[in-house]
N, C-alpha and C. Protein backbone atom coordinates (compact mmCIF):
# COMPACT_ATOMS: atom_id res chain seq x y z
N MET A 1 319.45 33.14 171.88
CA MET A 1 319.31 33.20 173.32
C MET A 1 318.46 32.01 173.78
N ASN A 2 318.91 31.31 174.81
CA ASN A 2 318.19 30.19 175.36
C ASN A 2 317.03 30.73 176.20
N ILE A 3 315.80 30.36 175.84
CA ILE A 3 314.62 30.91 176.52
C ILE A 3 314.56 30.52 178.00
N LEU A 4 315.13 29.37 178.36
CA LEU A 4 315.12 28.94 179.75
C LEU A 4 316.03 29.79 180.63
N ARG A 5 316.96 30.54 180.02
CA ARG A 5 317.86 31.40 180.79
C ARG A 5 317.46 32.87 180.70
N SER A 6 316.30 33.12 180.13
CA SER A 6 315.81 34.48 179.94
C SER A 6 315.64 35.17 181.30
N PRO A 7 316.11 36.43 181.43
CA PRO A 7 315.93 37.16 182.69
C PRO A 7 314.45 37.33 183.05
N VAL A 8 313.60 37.46 182.06
CA VAL A 8 312.17 37.62 182.32
C VAL A 8 311.61 36.35 182.95
N LEU A 9 312.01 35.19 182.44
CA LEU A 9 311.53 33.93 183.00
C LEU A 9 312.09 33.71 184.40
N LYS A 10 313.33 34.10 184.63
CA LYS A 10 313.91 33.97 185.97
C LYS A 10 313.14 34.84 186.96
N LEU A 11 312.82 36.07 186.55
CA LEU A 11 312.06 36.97 187.40
C LEU A 11 310.67 36.40 187.67
N ALA A 12 310.02 35.89 186.63
CA ALA A 12 308.69 35.31 186.79
C ALA A 12 308.74 34.13 187.76
N GLY A 13 309.73 33.29 187.64
CA GLY A 13 309.88 32.16 188.54
C GLY A 13 310.09 32.60 189.98
N ALA A 14 310.90 33.63 190.17
CA ALA A 14 311.14 34.14 191.51
C ALA A 14 309.86 34.72 192.12
N LEU A 15 309.07 35.43 191.32
CA LEU A 15 307.82 36.01 191.81
C LEU A 15 306.82 34.92 192.18
N ILE A 16 306.73 33.89 191.37
CA ILE A 16 305.82 32.78 191.67
C ILE A 16 306.25 32.10 192.96
N ALA A 17 307.53 31.84 193.11
CA ALA A 17 308.04 31.20 194.32
C ALA A 17 307.75 32.07 195.55
N ALA A 18 307.94 33.37 195.42
CA ALA A 18 307.69 34.28 196.55
C ALA A 18 306.21 34.31 196.91
N SER A 19 305.33 34.26 195.92
CA SER A 19 303.90 34.30 196.22
C SER A 19 303.46 33.00 196.90
N LEU A 20 304.06 31.88 196.55
CA LEU A 20 303.71 30.62 197.21
C LEU A 20 304.15 30.62 198.66
N VAL A 21 305.26 31.25 198.96
CA VAL A 21 305.74 31.33 200.33
C VAL A 21 304.86 32.29 201.13
N ALA A 22 304.43 33.40 200.52
CA ALA A 22 303.65 34.41 201.22
C ALA A 22 302.18 34.02 201.36
N ALA A 23 301.67 33.14 200.52
CA ALA A 23 300.24 32.81 200.53
C ALA A 23 299.74 32.32 201.89
N PRO A 24 300.43 31.42 202.60
CA PRO A 24 299.92 31.00 203.90
C PRO A 24 299.80 32.15 204.89
N ALA A 25 300.69 33.10 204.83
CA ALA A 25 300.63 34.23 205.75
C ALA A 25 299.40 35.07 205.48
N LEU A 26 298.96 35.17 204.24
CA LEU A 26 297.79 35.96 203.91
C LEU A 26 296.51 35.30 204.39
N SER A 27 296.45 33.99 204.43
CA SER A 27 295.24 33.29 204.83
C SER A 27 295.28 32.88 206.30
N ALA A 28 296.10 33.52 207.09
CA ALA A 28 296.29 33.12 208.48
C ALA A 28 295.24 33.67 209.42
N GLU A 29 294.30 34.50 208.94
CA GLU A 29 293.32 35.03 209.88
C GLU A 29 292.39 33.91 210.35
N PRO A 30 292.12 33.88 211.65
CA PRO A 30 291.27 32.83 212.21
C PRO A 30 289.86 32.91 211.66
N GLU A 31 289.22 31.75 211.52
CA GLU A 31 287.83 31.67 211.07
C GLU A 31 287.03 30.94 212.13
N LEU A 32 285.93 31.54 212.55
CA LEU A 32 285.08 30.94 213.56
C LEU A 32 283.68 30.74 212.99
N LEU A 33 283.06 29.63 213.35
CA LEU A 33 281.71 29.33 212.91
C LEU A 33 280.75 29.54 214.06
N LEU A 34 279.73 30.37 213.82
CA LEU A 34 278.62 30.54 214.75
C LEU A 34 277.39 29.97 214.06
N VAL A 35 276.60 29.20 214.80
CA VAL A 35 275.38 28.62 214.26
C VAL A 35 274.20 29.24 214.99
N ILE A 36 273.17 29.60 214.23
CA ILE A 36 271.91 30.03 214.83
C ILE A 36 270.97 28.83 214.71
N LYS A 37 270.54 28.34 215.87
CA LYS A 37 269.68 27.17 215.91
C LYS A 37 268.73 27.33 217.08
N ASN A 38 267.44 27.13 216.83
CA ASN A 38 266.42 27.33 217.87
C ASN A 38 266.49 28.73 218.46
N HIS A 39 266.77 29.70 217.61
CA HIS A 39 266.85 31.11 217.99
C HIS A 39 267.91 31.38 219.06
N ARG A 40 269.01 30.62 218.98
CA ARG A 40 270.15 30.80 219.87
C ARG A 40 271.45 30.71 219.06
N PHE A 41 272.48 31.37 219.55
CA PHE A 41 273.80 31.25 218.93
C PHE A 41 274.55 30.10 219.59
N GLU A 42 275.17 29.27 218.77
CA GLU A 42 276.00 28.17 219.26
C GLU A 42 277.36 28.25 218.60
N PRO A 43 278.44 28.39 219.33
CA PRO A 43 278.47 28.61 220.77
C PRO A 43 278.07 30.06 221.09
N ALA A 44 277.62 30.27 222.31
CA ALA A 44 277.21 31.61 222.74
C ALA A 44 278.42 32.45 223.14
N GLU A 45 279.56 31.81 223.33
CA GLU A 45 280.78 32.52 223.69
C GLU A 45 281.93 32.01 222.82
N VAL A 46 282.59 32.95 222.15
CA VAL A 46 283.75 32.57 221.33
C VAL A 46 284.95 33.41 221.74
N LYS A 47 286.11 32.77 221.74
CA LYS A 47 287.35 33.47 222.08
C LYS A 47 288.16 33.67 220.81
N VAL A 48 288.71 34.89 220.69
CA VAL A 48 289.52 35.24 219.53
C VAL A 48 290.82 35.87 220.01
N PRO A 49 291.86 35.81 219.18
CA PRO A 49 293.10 36.48 219.58
C PRO A 49 292.96 38.00 219.47
N ALA A 50 293.36 38.68 220.53
CA ALA A 50 293.35 40.15 220.50
C ALA A 50 294.36 40.64 219.47
N GLY A 51 294.05 41.76 218.85
CA GLY A 51 294.98 42.37 217.90
C GLY A 51 295.02 41.72 216.54
N GLN A 52 294.07 40.83 216.26
CA GLN A 52 294.07 40.13 214.98
C GLN A 52 292.67 40.16 214.37
N ARG A 53 292.60 40.38 213.08
CA ARG A 53 291.33 40.36 212.36
C ARG A 53 290.81 38.92 212.32
N VAL A 54 289.49 38.76 212.48
CA VAL A 54 288.87 37.44 212.55
C VAL A 54 287.70 37.38 211.59
N LYS A 55 287.54 36.23 210.97
CA LYS A 55 286.42 35.98 210.06
C LYS A 55 285.37 35.17 210.82
N LEU A 56 284.17 35.76 210.98
CA LEU A 56 283.06 35.05 211.59
C LEU A 56 282.12 34.57 210.49
N VAL A 57 281.86 33.28 210.45
CA VAL A 57 280.88 32.73 209.52
C VAL A 57 279.67 32.35 210.36
N VAL A 58 278.53 32.99 210.05
CA VAL A 58 277.31 32.75 210.80
C VAL A 58 276.35 31.96 209.92
N HIS A 59 275.98 30.75 210.39
CA HIS A 59 275.10 29.87 209.64
C HIS A 59 273.74 29.83 210.34
N ASN A 60 272.73 30.35 209.68
CA ASN A 60 271.38 30.36 210.23
C ASN A 60 270.68 29.06 209.87
N GLN A 61 270.55 28.16 210.83
CA GLN A 61 269.89 26.88 210.60
C GLN A 61 268.41 26.92 210.95
N ASP A 62 267.92 28.08 211.38
CA ASP A 62 266.50 28.22 211.68
C ASP A 62 265.69 28.38 210.40
N SER A 63 264.37 28.26 210.53
CA SER A 63 263.48 28.41 209.38
C SER A 63 263.02 29.85 209.18
N THR A 64 263.54 30.76 210.00
CA THR A 64 263.23 32.18 209.88
C THR A 64 264.53 32.98 209.81
N ALA A 65 264.43 34.17 209.25
CA ALA A 65 265.60 35.04 209.16
C ALA A 65 266.00 35.52 210.55
N GLU A 66 267.26 35.89 210.68
CA GLU A 66 267.78 36.48 211.92
C GLU A 66 268.74 37.60 211.54
N GLU A 67 268.83 38.60 212.39
CA GLU A 67 269.79 39.68 212.16
C GLU A 67 270.87 39.62 213.23
N PHE A 68 272.10 39.36 212.78
CA PHE A 68 273.25 39.44 213.69
C PHE A 68 273.48 40.92 213.92
N GLU A 69 273.47 41.32 215.19
CA GLU A 69 273.68 42.73 215.51
C GLU A 69 274.61 42.87 216.69
N SER A 70 275.59 43.76 216.54
CA SER A 70 276.52 44.05 217.62
C SER A 70 276.95 45.50 217.54
N HIS A 71 276.52 46.27 218.53
CA HIS A 71 277.00 47.66 218.61
C HIS A 71 278.47 47.67 219.00
N ASP A 72 278.87 46.71 219.86
CA ASP A 72 280.27 46.62 220.30
C ASP A 72 281.21 46.37 219.13
N LEU A 73 280.78 45.51 218.19
CA LEU A 73 281.62 45.16 217.04
C LEU A 73 281.32 46.02 215.82
N ASN A 74 280.29 46.86 215.93
CA ASN A 74 279.86 47.73 214.83
C ASN A 74 279.49 46.90 213.58
N ARG A 75 278.67 45.86 213.80
CA ARG A 75 278.27 44.97 212.70
C ARG A 75 276.78 44.68 212.78
N GLU A 76 276.15 44.62 211.61
CA GLU A 76 274.74 44.25 211.45
C GLU A 76 274.61 43.48 210.16
N LYS A 77 273.93 42.35 210.20
CA LYS A 77 273.78 41.56 208.98
C LYS A 77 272.53 40.68 209.10
N ILE A 78 271.61 40.80 208.15
CA ILE A 78 270.46 39.92 208.10
C ILE A 78 270.88 38.63 207.42
N ILE A 79 270.51 37.51 208.05
CA ILE A 79 270.88 36.20 207.53
C ILE A 79 269.59 35.42 207.27
N PRO A 80 269.29 35.17 206.01
CA PRO A 80 268.07 34.42 205.66
C PRO A 80 268.10 33.00 206.23
N PRO A 81 266.94 32.36 206.33
CA PRO A 81 266.92 30.98 206.83
C PRO A 81 267.75 30.06 205.94
N GLY A 82 268.56 29.22 206.60
CA GLY A 82 269.39 28.26 205.88
C GLY A 82 270.64 28.84 205.25
N ALA A 83 270.85 30.13 205.36
CA ALA A 83 271.98 30.80 204.70
C ALA A 83 273.14 31.01 205.65
N LYS A 84 274.29 31.34 205.05
CA LYS A 84 275.49 31.69 205.80
C LYS A 84 275.88 33.12 205.44
N ALA A 85 276.44 33.81 206.40
CA ALA A 85 276.95 35.16 206.19
C ALA A 85 278.35 35.24 206.78
N THR A 86 279.20 36.02 206.13
CA THR A 86 280.57 36.22 206.60
C THR A 86 280.72 37.65 207.10
N LEU A 87 281.26 37.77 208.29
CA LEU A 87 281.53 39.08 208.90
C LEU A 87 282.99 39.09 209.34
N PHE A 88 283.67 40.17 209.06
CA PHE A 88 285.04 40.35 209.52
C PHE A 88 285.03 41.33 210.68
N VAL A 89 285.73 40.99 211.75
CA VAL A 89 285.82 41.87 212.91
C VAL A 89 287.28 42.00 213.32
N GLY A 90 287.56 43.13 213.93
CA GLY A 90 288.91 43.34 214.45
C GLY A 90 289.82 44.04 213.47
N PRO A 91 291.05 44.15 213.93
CA PRO A 91 291.63 43.63 215.16
C PRO A 91 290.97 44.27 216.39
N LEU A 92 290.77 43.43 217.42
CA LEU A 92 290.09 43.87 218.64
C LEU A 92 291.08 44.02 219.78
N LYS A 93 290.79 44.99 220.63
CA LYS A 93 291.54 45.12 221.88
C LYS A 93 291.03 44.05 222.84
N PRO A 94 291.82 43.63 223.82
CA PRO A 94 291.33 42.65 224.79
C PRO A 94 290.04 43.15 225.44
N GLY A 95 289.07 42.26 225.54
CA GLY A 95 287.79 42.63 226.15
C GLY A 95 286.66 41.75 225.70
N ARG A 96 285.44 42.13 226.10
CA ARG A 96 284.22 41.40 225.78
C ARG A 96 283.38 42.25 224.83
N TYR A 97 282.88 41.62 223.78
CA TYR A 97 282.09 42.28 222.75
C TYR A 97 280.80 41.49 222.56
N THR A 98 279.67 42.08 222.97
CA THR A 98 278.40 41.36 222.91
C THR A 98 277.78 41.44 221.52
N PHE A 99 276.97 40.42 221.21
CA PHE A 99 276.17 40.42 219.99
C PHE A 99 274.84 39.74 220.30
N ALA A 100 273.86 39.95 219.42
CA ALA A 100 272.54 39.37 219.62
C ALA A 100 271.86 39.18 218.27
N GLY A 101 270.81 38.37 218.31
CA GLY A 101 269.93 38.25 217.16
C GLY A 101 268.80 39.23 217.38
N GLU A 102 268.72 40.25 216.56
CA GLU A 102 267.75 41.31 216.80
C GLU A 102 266.30 40.81 216.77
N TYR A 103 266.02 39.78 216.00
CA TYR A 103 264.65 39.28 215.90
C TYR A 103 264.27 38.37 217.06
N ASN A 104 265.25 37.90 217.83
CA ASN A 104 265.01 37.02 218.98
C ASN A 104 265.95 37.40 220.12
N GLU A 105 265.89 38.66 220.52
CA GLU A 105 266.84 39.18 221.51
C GLU A 105 266.79 38.47 222.87
N ALA A 106 265.65 37.90 223.22
CA ALA A 106 265.54 37.23 224.51
C ALA A 106 266.39 35.96 224.57
N THR A 107 266.57 35.29 223.43
CA THR A 107 267.31 34.02 223.44
C THR A 107 268.61 34.05 222.65
N ALA A 108 268.66 34.81 221.59
CA ALA A 108 269.83 34.82 220.71
C ALA A 108 270.84 35.86 221.19
N LYS A 109 271.71 35.44 222.10
CA LYS A 109 272.71 36.33 222.69
C LYS A 109 274.07 35.64 222.66
N GLY A 110 275.11 36.45 222.57
CA GLY A 110 276.44 35.88 222.60
C GLY A 110 277.48 36.93 222.91
N VAL A 111 278.73 36.47 223.01
CA VAL A 111 279.83 37.36 223.30
C VAL A 111 281.10 36.86 222.61
N VAL A 112 281.86 37.81 222.09
CA VAL A 112 283.20 37.54 221.57
C VAL A 112 284.16 38.03 222.64
N ILE A 113 285.07 37.16 223.04
CA ILE A 113 286.08 37.53 224.03
C ILE A 113 287.44 37.57 223.34
N ALA A 114 288.02 38.77 223.32
CA ALA A 114 289.34 38.93 222.71
C ALA A 114 290.38 38.86 223.82
N GLU A 115 291.33 37.93 223.66
CA GLU A 115 292.39 37.75 224.67
C GLU A 115 293.74 37.89 224.03
């Protein structure tokens, strides 16, 4: 039997080809970067597609820790100084979802707008 014509190899080749085609669809969730700098979120307002899961990467560039907190998004995460944290939100209904830095609530405020 010619190994190149093996049904197992043909199946394996088909599965590999299918996974390469499907891979972009799996990584299609939007990624947004939020920066904490001078005890503020930059940008303070981000727009995301409604009905789709979104990856938020929060980079704390301050010299002190900050806690990303959002009751609207049901998320809380302490981010050490100089560190990054990843938060997944959604899929969200159209609307406004506020967030804040719990350690600097007077200045560290923001909103996610799902459209």
